[in-house]
Amino acid sequence: MIRPPTLFNSAACRSAELLHQELRHDGVSADVHTGYGLALVSVWVGLVIWCDGERFWWRTGWNADRRRVIYAWHPATDPRGAARRITMRYAELRSRQTFEPS
């Protein structure tokens, strides 16, 4: 029997909320969105963290030779460690941001 995808994954939501709290503790604003078995933590342009309840993963770059996105991942059982890594990525992305005067 084929089952439709689960729309809600409580483990993913719980893990994303814990990550959200840790990021807020580090002074990083984020939003949490859930659905279709995943939770997303939206931090900055180009920095969205996905969670399935077992791991967090996010885009870190581009491999031009293979023409593929490069991802980092971290176990969802360690939201503090993930938050530290994501905070460093956030700082890196913000430092690259240039603002044009109006």
PDB file of N, CA and C in Angstrom:
ATOM      1  N   MET A   1       0.844  -1.171   0.000  1.00  0.00           N
ATOM      2  CA  MET A   1       0.000   0.000   0.000  1.00  0.00           C
ATOM      3  C   MET A   1       0.896   1.244   0.000  1.00  0.00           C
ATOM      4  N   ILE A   2       0.620   2.176  -0.869  1.00  0.00           N
ATOM      5  CA  ILE A   2       1.359   3.433  -0.936  1.00  0.00           C
ATOM      6  C   ILE A   2       0.677   4.433  -0.018  1.00  0.00           C
ATOM      7  N   ARG A   3       1.471   5.034   0.854  1.00  0.00           N
ATOM      8  CA  ARG A   3       0.944   6.029   1.791  1.00  0.00           C
ATOM      9  C   ARG A   3       1.359   7.423   1.353  1.00  0.00           C
ATOM     10  N   PRO A   4       0.495   8.403   1.574  1.00  0.00           N
ATOM     11  CA  PRO A   4       0.881   9.779   1.243  1.00  0.00           C
ATOM     12  C   PRO A   4       1.968  10.257   2.192  1.00  0.00           C
ATOM     13  N   PRO A   5       2.761  11.240   1.773  1.00  0.00           N
ATOM     14  CA  PRO A   5       3.821  11.735   2.654  1.00  0.00           C
ATOM     15  C   PRO A   5       3.239  12.327   3.933  1.00  0.00           C
ATOM     16  N   THR A   6       3.959  12.124   5.027  1.00  0.00           N
ATOM     17  CA  THR A   6       3.546  12.701   6.293  1.00  0.00           C
ATOM     18  C   THR A   6       3.738  14.213   6.233  1.00  0.00           C
ATOM     19  N   LEU A   7       2.718  14.941   6.604  1.00  0.00           N
ATOM     20  CA  LEU A   7       2.806  16.390   6.548  1.00  0.00           C
ATOM     21  C   LEU A   7       3.481  16.984   7.768  1.00  0.00           C
ATOM     22  N   PHE A   8       3.507  16.238   8.854  1.00  0.00           N
ATOM     23  CA  PHE A   8       4.071  16.771  10.086  1.00  0.00           C
ATOM     24  C   PHE A   8       5.028  15.748  10.671  1.00  0.00           C
ATOM     25  N   ASN A   9       6.208  16.195  11.028  1.00  0.00           N
ATOM     26  CA  ASN A   9       7.209  15.347  11.655  1.00  0.00           C
ATOM     27  C   ASN A   9       7.584  16.034  12.965  1.00  0.00           C
ATOM     28  N   SER A  10       7.074  15.501  14.074  1.00  0.00           N
ATOM     29  CA  SER A  10       7.302  16.160  15.359  1.00  0.00           C
ATOM     30  C   SER A  10       8.781  16.182  15.745  1.00  0.00           C
ATOM     31  N   ALA A  11       9.545  15.161  15.378  1.00  0.00           N
ATOM     32  CA  ALA A  11      10.974  15.155  15.702  1.00  0.00           C
ATOM     33  C   ALA A  11      11.699  16.259  14.947  1.00  0.00           C
ATOM     34  N   ALA A  12      11.344  16.453  13.685  1.00  0.00           N
ATOM     35  CA  ALA A  12      11.966  17.517  12.901  1.00  0.00           C
ATOM     36  C   ALA A  12      11.611  18.884  13.476  1.00  0.00           C
ATOM     37  N   CYS A  13      10.343  19.053  13.823  1.00  0.00           N
ATOM     38  CA  CYS A  13       9.884  20.331  14.388  1.00  0.00           C
ATOM     39  C   CYS A  13      10.569  20.612  15.719  1.00  0.00           C
ATOM     40  N   ARG A  14      10.636  19.624  16.579  1.00  0.00           N
ATOM     41  CA  ARG A  14      11.276  19.777  17.888  1.00  0.00           C
ATOM     42  C   ARG A  14      12.755  20.126  17.728  1.00  0.00           C
ATOM     43  N   SER A  15      13.451  19.429  16.840  1.00  0.00           N
ATOM     44  CA  SER A  15      14.874  19.700  16.613  1.00  0.00           C
ATOM     45  C   SER A  15      15.091  21.097  16.046  1.00  0.00           C
ATOM     46  N   ALA A  16      14.235  21.500  15.105  1.00  0.00           N
ATOM     47  CA  ALA A  16      14.348  22.843  14.520  1.00  0.00           C
ATOM     48  C   ALA A  16      14.106  23.919  15.568  1.00  0.00           C
ATOM     49  N   GLU A  17      13.150  23.698  16.449  1.00  0.00           N
ATOM     50  CA  GLU A  17      12.885  24.664  17.517  1.00  0.00           C
ATOM     51  C   GLU A  17      14.068  24.770  18.473  1.00  0.00           C
ATOM     52  N   LEU A  18      14.698  23.643  18.790  1.00  0.00           N
ATOM     53  CA  LEU A  18      15.885  23.673  19.653  1.00  0.00           C
ATOM     54  C   LEU A  18      17.024  24.433  18.974  1.00  0.00           C
ATOM     55  N   LEU A  19      17.201  24.209  17.671  1.00  0.00           N
ATOM     56  CA  LEU A  19      18.225  24.947  16.924  1.00  0.00           C
ATOM     57  C   LEU A  19      17.893  26.438  16.923  1.00  0.00           C
ATOM     58  N   HIS A  20      16.636  26.758  16.720  1.00  0.00           N
ATOM     59  CA  HIS A  20      16.189  28.152  16.727  1.00  0.00           C
ATOM     60  C   HIS A  20      16.544  28.823  18.057  1.00  0.00           C
ATOM     61  N   GLN A  21      16.303  28.142  19.162  1.00  0.00           N
ATOM     62  CA  GLN A  21      16.636  28.687  20.486  1.00  0.00           C
ATOM     63  C   GLN A  21      18.132  28.919  20.630  1.00  0.00           C
ATOM     64  N   GLU A  22      18.925  27.967  20.163  1.00  0.00           N
ATOM     65  CA  GLU A  22      20.384  28.108  20.255  1.00  0.00           C
ATOM     66  C   GLU A  22      20.880  29.262  19.381  1.00  0.00           C
ATOM     67  N   LEU A  23      20.315  29.412  18.190  1.00  0.00           N
ATOM     68  CA  LEU A  23      20.704  30.528  17.330  1.00  0.00           C
ATOM     69  C   LEU A  23      20.323  31.858  17.968  1.00  0.00           C
ATOM     70  N   ARG A  24      19.137  31.919  18.554  1.00  0.00           N
ATOM     71  CA  ARG A  24      18.699  33.149  19.230  1.00  0.00           C
ATOM     72  C   ARG A  24      19.644  33.473  20.377  1.00  0.00           C
ATOM     73  N   HIS A  25      20.102  32.448  21.098  1.00  0.00           N
ATOM     74  CA  HIS A  25      21.070  32.635  22.188  1.00  0.00           C
ATOM     75  C   HIS A  25      22.355  33.276  21.664  1.00  0.00           C
ATOM     76  N   ASP A  26      22.710  32.956  20.404  1.00  0.00           N
ATOM     77  CA  ASP A  26      23.906  33.530  19.768  1.00  0.00           C
ATOM     78  C   ASP A  26      23.620  34.870  19.091  1.00  0.00           C
ATOM     79  N   GLY A  27      22.386  35.365  19.210  1.00  0.00           N
ATOM     80  CA  GLY A  27      22.030  36.648  18.619  1.00  0.00           C
ATOM     81  C   GLY A  27      21.658  36.578  17.151  1.00  0.00           C
ATOM     82  N   VAL A  28      21.326  35.378  16.662  1.00  0.00           N
ATOM     83  CA  VAL A  28      20.966  35.190  15.259  1.00  0.00           C
ATOM     84  C   VAL A  28      19.459  35.002  15.158  1.00  0.00           C
ATOM     85  N   SER A  29      18.802  35.887  14.408  1.00  0.00           N
ATOM     86  CA  SER A  29      17.359  35.780  14.191  1.00  0.00           C
ATOM     87  C   SER A  29      17.078  34.717  13.146  1.00  0.00           C
ATOM     88  N   ALA A  30      15.974  33.997  13.320  1.00  0.00           N
ATOM     89  CA  ALA A  30      15.590  32.958  12.367  1.00  0.00           C
ATOM     90  C   ALA A  30      14.095  32.704  12.480  1.00  0.00           C
ATOM     91  N   ASP A  31      13.551  32.064  11.458  1.00  0.00           N
ATOM     92  CA  ASP A  31      12.161  31.636  11.443  1.00  0.00           C
ATOM     93  C   ASP A  31      12.126  30.136  11.229  1.00  0.00           C
ATOM     94  N   VAL A  32      11.147  29.468  11.842  1.00  0.00           N
ATOM     95  CA  VAL A  32      10.978  28.029  11.671  1.00  0.00           C
ATOM     96  C   VAL A  32       9.700  27.772  10.885  1.00  0.00           C
ATOM     97  N   HIS A  33       9.805  26.894   9.896  1.00  0.00           N
ATOM     98  CA  HIS A  33       8.671  26.502   9.064  1.00  0.00           C
ATOM     99  C   HIS A  33       8.637  24.981   9.013  1.00  0.00           C
ATOM    100  N   THR A  34       7.441  24.399   9.079  1.00  0.00           N
ATOM    101  CA  THR A  34       7.334  22.945   9.057  1.00  0.00           C
ATOM    102  C   THR A  34       6.316  22.499   8.017  1.00  0.00           C
ATOM    103  N   GLY A  35       6.490  21.286   7.559  1.00  0.00           N
ATOM    104  CA  GLY A  35       5.551  20.680   6.631  1.00  0.00           C
ATOM    105  C   GLY A  35       6.217  19.616   5.793  1.00  0.00           C
ATOM    106  N   TYR A  36       5.425  18.679   5.336  1.00  0.00           N
ATOM    107  CA  TYR A  36       5.887  17.601   4.463  1.00  0.00           C
ATOM    108  C   TYR A  36       7.037  16.801   5.072  1.00  0.00           C
ATOM    109  N   GLY A  37       7.003  16.631   6.384  1.00  0.00           N
ATOM    110  CA  GLY A  37       7.977  15.791   7.061  1.00  0.00           C
ATOM    111  C   GLY A  37       9.308  16.446   7.367  1.00  0.00           C
ATOM    112  N   LEU A  38       9.459  17.723   7.019  1.00  0.00           N
ATOM    113  CA  LEU A  38      10.702  18.446   7.279  1.00  0.00           C
ATOM    114  C   LEU A  38      10.410  19.720   8.046  1.00  0.00           C
ATOM    115  N   ALA A  39      11.443  20.256   8.647  1.00  0.00           N
ATOM    116  CA  ALA A  39      11.370  21.584   9.248  1.00  0.00           C
ATOM    117  C   ALA A  39      12.492  22.409   8.638  1.00  0.00           C
ATOM    118  N   LEU A  40      12.215  23.672   8.375  1.00  0.00           N
ATOM    119  CA  LEU A  40      13.207  24.583   7.824  1.00  0.00           C
ATOM    120  C   LEU A  40      13.453  25.708   8.815  1.00  0.00           C
ATOM    121  N   VAL A  41      14.716  26.056   8.976  1.00  0.00           N
ATOM    122  CA  VAL A  41      15.083  27.203   9.793  1.00  0.00           C
ATOM    123  C   VAL A  41      15.709  28.210   8.830  1.00  0.00           C
ATOM    124  N   SER A  42      14.993  29.295   8.599  1.00  0.00           N
ATOM    125  CA  SER A  42      15.428  30.321   7.662  1.00  0.00           C
ATOM    126  C   SER A  42      16.196  31.392   8.427  1.00  0.00           C
ATOM    127  N   VAL A  43      17.472  31.577   8.071  1.00  0.00           N
ATOM    128  CA  VAL A  43      18.354  32.480   8.807  1.00  0.00           C
ATOM    129  C   VAL A  43      18.691  33.731   8.000  1.00  0.00           C
ATOM    130  N   TRP A  44      19.121  33.559   6.764  1.00  0.00           N
ATOM    131  CA  TRP A  44      19.620  34.677   5.953  1.00  0.00           C
ATOM    132  C   TRP A  44      19.485  34.287   4.498  1.00  0.00           C
ATOM    133  N   VAL A  45      19.619  35.227   3.612  1.00  0.00           N
ATOM    134  CA  VAL A  45      19.581  34.929   2.180  1.00  0.00           C
ATOM    135  C   VAL A  45      20.652  33.879   1.887  1.00  0.00           C
ATOM    136  N   GLY A  46      20.249  32.754   1.347  1.00  0.00           N
ATOM    137  CA  GLY A  46      21.205  31.695   1.053  1.00  0.00           C
ATOM    138  C   GLY A  46      21.550  30.816   2.235  1.00  0.00           C
ATOM    139  N   LEU A  47      20.896  31.006   3.366  1.00  0.00           N
ATOM    140  CA  LEU A  47      21.170  30.168   4.528  1.00  0.00           C
ATOM    141  C   LEU A  47      19.855  29.670   5.120  1.00  0.00           C
ATOM    142  N   VAL A  48      19.447  28.525   4.617  1.00  0.00           N
ATOM    143  CA  VAL A  48      18.265  27.829   5.117  1.00  0.00           C
ATOM    144  C   VAL A  48      18.732  26.465   5.597  1.00  0.00           C
ATOM    145  N   ILE A  49      18.336  26.108   6.805  1.00  0.00           N
ATOM    146  CA  ILE A  49      18.734  24.825   7.376  1.00  0.00           C
ATOM    147  C   ILE A  49      17.533  23.900   7.326  1.00  0.00           C
ATOM    148  N   TRP A  50      17.726  22.725   6.757  1.00  0.00           N
ATOM    149  CA  TRP A  50      16.682  21.713   6.708  1.00  0.00           C
ATOM    150  C   TRP A  50      16.900  20.746   7.856  1.00  0.00           C
ATOM    151  N   CYS A  51      15.812  20.174   8.356  1.00  0.00           N
ATOM    152  CA  CYS A  51      15.920  19.179   9.423  1.00  0.00           C
ATOM    153  C   CYS A  51      14.866  18.100   9.203  1.00  0.00           C
ATOM    154  N   ASP A  52      15.294  16.861   9.330  1.00  0.00           N
ATOM    155  CA  ASP A  52      14.370  15.730   9.226  1.00  0.00           C
ATOM    156  C   ASP A  52      14.183  15.034  10.571  1.00  0.00           C
ATOM    157  N   GLY A  53      14.729  15.616  11.628  1.00  0.00           N
ATOM    158  CA  GLY A  53      14.655  15.016  12.952  1.00  0.00           C
ATOM    159  C   GLY A  53      15.905  14.244  13.326  1.00  0.00           C
ATOM    160  N   GLU A  54      16.692  13.869  12.330  1.00  0.00           N
ATOM    161  CA  GLU A  54      17.939  13.143  12.574  1.00  0.00           C
ATOM    162  C   GLU A  54      19.166  13.999  12.317  1.00  0.00           C
ATOM    163  N   ARG A  55      19.057  14.913  11.358  1.00  0.00           N
ATOM    164  CA  ARG A  55      20.203  15.776  11.046  1.00  0.00           C
ATOM    165  C   ARG A  55      19.728  17.118  10.533  1.00  0.00           C
ATOM    166  N   PHE A  56      20.625  18.101  10.658  1.00  0.00           N
ATOM    167  CA  PHE A  56      20.456  19.416  10.052  1.00  0.00           C
ATOM    168  C   PHE A  56      21.377  19.439   8.844  1.00  0.00           C
ATOM    169  N   TRP A  57      20.974  20.100   7.768  1.00  0.00           N
ATOM    170  CA  TRP A  57      21.885  20.313   6.658  1.00  0.00           C
ATOM    171  C   TRP A  57      21.596  21.648   5.997  1.00  0.00           C
ATOM    172  N   TRP A  58      22.666  22.236   5.434  1.00  0.00           N
ATOM    173  CA  TRP A  58      22.574  23.557   4.820  1.00  0.00           C
ATOM    174  C   TRP A  58      23.625  23.672   3.723  1.00  0.00           C
ATOM    175  N   ARG A  59      23.350  24.582   2.800  1.00  0.00           N
ATOM    176  CA  ARG A  59      24.247  24.805   1.663  1.00  0.00           C
ATOM    177  C   ARG A  59      25.460  25.603   2.115  1.00  0.00           C
ATOM    178  N   THR A  60      26.651  25.167   1.672  1.00  0.00           N
ATOM    179  CA  THR A  60      27.875  25.885   2.027  1.00  0.00           C
ATOM    180  C   THR A  60      28.649  26.384   0.815  1.00  0.00           C
ATOM    181  N   GLY A  61      28.297  25.933  -0.369  1.00  0.00           N
ATOM    182  CA  GLY A  61      29.041  26.378  -1.537  1.00  0.00           C
ATOM    183  C   GLY A  61      28.602  25.683  -2.800  1.00  0.00           C
ATOM    184  N   TRP A  62      29.466  25.807  -3.803  1.00  0.00           N
ATOM    185  CA  TRP A  62      29.192  25.266  -5.129  1.00  0.00           C
ATOM    186  C   TRP A  62      30.453  24.611  -5.664  1.00  0.00           C
ATOM    187  N   ASN A  63      30.342  23.398  -6.169  1.00  0.00           N
ATOM    188  CA  ASN A  63      31.450  22.703  -6.799  1.00  0.00           C
ATOM    189  C   ASN A  63      31.309  22.904  -8.303  1.00  0.00           C
ATOM    190  N   ALA A  64      32.132  23.787  -8.863  1.00  0.00           N
ATOM    191  CA  ALA A  64      32.028  24.128 -10.281  1.00  0.00           C
ATOM    192  C   ALA A  64      32.386  22.948 -11.176  1.00  0.00           C
ATOM    193  N   ASP A  65      33.338  22.116 -10.756  1.00  0.00           N
ATOM    194  CA  ASP A  65      33.733  20.965 -11.572  1.00  0.00           C
ATOM    195  C   ASP A  65      32.583  19.970 -11.733  1.00  0.00           C
ATOM    196  N   ARG A  66      31.899  19.692 -10.647  1.00  0.00           N
ATOM    197  CA  ARG A  66      30.782  18.732 -10.686  1.00  0.00           C
ATOM    198  C   ARG A  66      29.431  19.395 -10.918  1.00  0.00           C
ATOM    199  N   ARG A  67      29.441  20.728 -10.906  1.00  0.00           N
ATOM    200  CA  ARG A  67      28.213  21.509 -11.067  1.00  0.00           C
ATOM    201  C   ARG A  67      27.143  21.054 -10.067  1.00  0.00           C
ATOM    202  N   ARG A  68      27.562  21.045  -8.797  1.00  0.00           N
ATOM    203  CA  ARG A  68      26.691  20.623  -7.704  1.00  0.00           C
ATOM    204  C   ARG A  68      26.858  21.514  -6.490  1.00  0.00           C
ATOM    205  N   VAL A  69      25.796  21.576  -5.718  1.00  0.00           N
ATOM    206  CA  VAL A  69      25.822  22.301  -4.451  1.00  0.00           C
ATOM    207  C   VAL A  69      26.590  21.470  -3.431  1.00  0.00           C
ATOM    208  N   ILE A  70      27.320  22.145  -2.558  1.00  0.00           N
ATOM    209  CA  ILE A  70      28.023  21.481  -1.456  1.00  0.00           C
ATOM    210  C   ILE A  70      27.227  21.763  -0.184  1.00  0.00           C
ATOM    211  N   TYR A  71      26.963  20.719   0.586  1.00  0.00           N
ATOM    212  CA  TYR A  71      26.203  20.849   1.822  1.00  0.00           C
ATOM    213  C   TYR A  71      27.050  20.459   3.022  1.00  0.00           C
ATOM    214  N   ALA A  72      26.747  21.085   4.147  1.00  0.00           N
ATOM    215  CA  ALA A  72      27.290  20.668   5.441  1.00  0.00           C
ATOM    216  C   ALA A  72      26.129  20.028   6.197  1.00  0.00           C
ATOM    217  N   TRP A  73      26.431  19.147   7.113  1.00  0.00           N
ATOM    218  CA  TRP A  73      25.376  18.583   7.941  1.00  0.00           C
ATOM    219  C   TRP A  73      25.883  18.401   9.359  1.00  0.00           C
ATOM    220  N   HIS A  74      24.931  18.285  10.265  1.00  0.00           N
ATOM    221  CA  HIS A  74      25.251  18.126  11.681  1.00  0.00           C
ATOM    222  C   HIS A  74      24.133  17.305  12.326  1.00  0.00           C
ATOM    223  N   PRO A  75      24.458  16.433  13.279  1.00  0.00           N
ATOM    224  CA  PRO A  75      23.406  15.638  13.923  1.00  0.00           C
ATOM    225  C   PRO A  75      22.399  16.522  14.669  1.00  0.00           C
ATOM    226  N   ALA A  76      21.129  16.181  14.541  1.00  0.00           N
ATOM    227  CA  ALA A  76      20.075  16.945  15.223  1.00  0.00           C
ATOM    228  C   ALA A  76      20.125  16.748  16.731  1.00  0.00           C
ATOM    229  N   THR A  77      20.852  15.763  17.192  1.00  0.00           N
ATOM    230  CA  THR A  77      20.992  15.545  18.634  1.00  0.00           C
ATOM    231  C   THR A  77      21.921  16.564  19.283  1.00  0.00           C
ATOM    232  N   ASP A  78      22.580  17.391  18.466  1.00  0.00           N
ATOM    233  CA  ASP A  78      23.505  18.410  18.973  1.00  0.00           C
ATOM    234  C   ASP A  78      23.155  19.784  18.405  1.00  0.00           C
ATOM    235  N   PRO A  79      22.020  20.360  18.806  1.00  0.00           N
ATOM    236  CA  PRO A  79      21.642  21.669  18.258  1.00  0.00           C
ATOM    237  C   PRO A  79      22.626  22.774  18.630  1.00  0.00           C
ATOM    238  N   ARG A  80      23.288  22.668  19.783  1.00  0.00           N
ATOM    239  CA  ARG A  80      24.277  23.680  20.188  1.00  0.00           C
ATOM    240  C   ARG A  80      25.456  23.699  19.219  1.00  0.00           C
ATOM    241  N   GLY A  81      25.985  22.521  18.905  1.00  0.00           N
ATOM    242  CA  GLY A  81      27.103  22.427  17.962  1.00  0.00           C
ATOM    243  C   GLY A  81      26.709  22.898  16.568  1.00  0.00           C
ATOM    244  N   ALA A  82      25.505  22.524  16.144  1.00  0.00           N
ATOM    245  CA  ALA A  82      25.020  22.974  14.839  1.00  0.00           C
ATOM    246  C   ALA A  82      24.895  24.493  14.824  1.00  0.00           C
ATOM    247  N   ALA A  83      24.368  25.065  15.894  1.00  0.00           N
ATOM    248  CA  ALA A  83      24.197  26.519  15.976  1.00  0.00           C
ATOM    249  C   ALA A  83      25.538  27.233  15.874  1.00  0.00           C
ATOM    250  N   ARG A  84      26.567  26.700  16.506  1.00  0.00           N
ATOM    251  CA  ARG A  84      27.900  27.321  16.415  1.00  0.00           C
ATOM    252  C   ARG A  84      28.377  27.357  14.969  1.00  0.00           C
ATOM    253  N   ARG A  85      28.215  26.241  14.257  1.00  0.00           N
ATOM    254  CA  ARG A  85      28.654  26.169  12.862  1.00  0.00           C
ATOM    255  C   ARG A  85      27.813  27.089  11.975  1.00  0.00           C
ATOM    256  N   ILE A  86      26.517  27.096  12.204  1.00  0.00           N
ATOM    257  CA  ILE A  86      25.619  27.926  11.401  1.00  0.00           C
ATOM    258  C   ILE A  86      25.872  29.404  11.668  1.00  0.00           C
ATOM    259  N   THR A  87      26.171  29.753  12.909  1.00  0.00           N
ATOM    260  CA  THR A  87      26.487  31.139  13.247  1.00  0.00           C
ATOM    261  C   THR A  87      27.741  31.599  12.508  1.00  0.00           C
ATOM    262  N   MET A  88      28.729  30.726  12.382  1.00  0.00           N
ATOM    263  CA  MET A  88      29.937  31.079  11.617  1.00  0.00           C
ATOM    264  C   MET A  88      29.607  31.275  10.139  1.00  0.00           C
ATOM    265  N   ARG A  89      28.762  30.413   9.596  1.00  0.00           N
ATOM    266  CA  ARG A  89      28.355  30.548   8.187  1.00  0.00           C
ATOM    267  C   ARG A  89      27.564  31.841   7.985  1.00  0.00           C
ATOM    268  N   TYR A  90      26.694  32.144   8.925  1.00  0.00           N
ATOM    269  CA  TYR A  90      25.900  33.376   8.883  1.00  0.00           C
ATOM    270  C   TYR A  90      26.827  34.595   8.857  1.00  0.00           C
ATOM    271  N   ALA A  91      27.824  34.621   9.723  1.00  0.00           N
ATOM    272  CA  ALA A  91      28.774  35.741   9.765  1.00  0.00           C
ATOM    273  C   ALA A  91      29.523  35.855   8.443  1.00  0.00           C
ATOM    274  N   GLU A  92      29.897  34.721   7.865  1.00  0.00           N
ATOM    275  CA  GLU A  92      30.602  34.722   6.580  1.00  0.00           C
ATOM    276  C   GLU A  92      29.711  35.313   5.482  1.00  0.00           C
ATOM    277  N   LEU A  93      28.461  34.885   5.417  1.00  0.00           N
ATOM    278  CA  LEU A  93      27.546  35.398   4.402  1.00  0.00           C
ATOM    279  C   LEU A  93      27.265  36.887   4.596  1.00  0.00           C
ATOM    280  N   ARG A  94      27.108  37.309   5.827  1.00  0.00           N
ATOM    281  CA  ARG A  94      26.854  38.732   6.091  1.00  0.00           C
ATOM    282  C   ARG A  94      28.048  39.587   5.717  1.00  0.00           C
ATOM    283  N   SER A  95      29.252  39.079   5.940  1.00  0.00           N
ATOM    284  CA  SER A  95      30.447  39.858   5.602  1.00  0.00           C
ATOM    285  C   SER A  95      30.588  40.049   4.093  1.00  0.00           C
ATOM    286  N   ARG A  96      30.030  39.143   3.302  1.00  0.00           N
ATOM    287  CA  ARG A  96      30.073  39.247   1.845  1.00  0.00           C
ATOM    288  C   ARG A  96      28.999  40.174   1.303  1.00  0.00           C
ATOM    289  N   GLN A  97      27.977  40.442   2.104  1.00  0.00           N
ATOM    290  CA  GLN A  97      26.847  41.269   1.668  1.00  0.00           C
ATOM    291  C   GLN A  97      27.316  42.706   1.470  1.00  0.00           C
ATOM    292  N   THR A  98      27.020  43.255   0.331  1.00  0.00           N
ATOM    293  CA  THR A  98      27.330  44.654   0.073  1.00  0.00           C
ATOM    294  C   THR A  98      26.029  45.417  -0.104  1.00  0.00           C
ATOM    295  N   PHE A  99      25.986  46.577   0.457  1.00  0.00           N
ATOM    296  CA  PHE A  99      24.801  47.406   0.370  1.00  0.00           C
ATOM    297  C   PHE A  99      25.100  48.609  -0.494  1.00  0.00           C
ATOM    298  N   GLU A 100      24.294  48.797  -1.491  1.00  0.00           N
ATOM    299  CA  GLU A 100      24.444  49.929  -2.392  1.00  0.00           C
ATOM    300  C   GLU A 100      23.655  51.104  -1.820  1.00  0.00           C
ATOM    301  N   PRO A 101      24.247  52.307  -1.791  1.00  0.00           N
ATOM    302  CA  PRO A 101      23.486  53.468  -1.300  1.00  0.00           C
ATOM    303  C   PRO A 101      22.331  53.766  -2.255  1.00  0.00           C
ATOM    304  N   SER A 102      21.231  54.214  -1.701  1.00  0.00           N
ATOM    305  CA  SER A 102      20.042  54.528  -2.521  1.00  0.00           C
ATOM    306  C   SER A 102      20.206  55.832  -3.252  1.00  0.00           C
TER     307      SER A 102
END
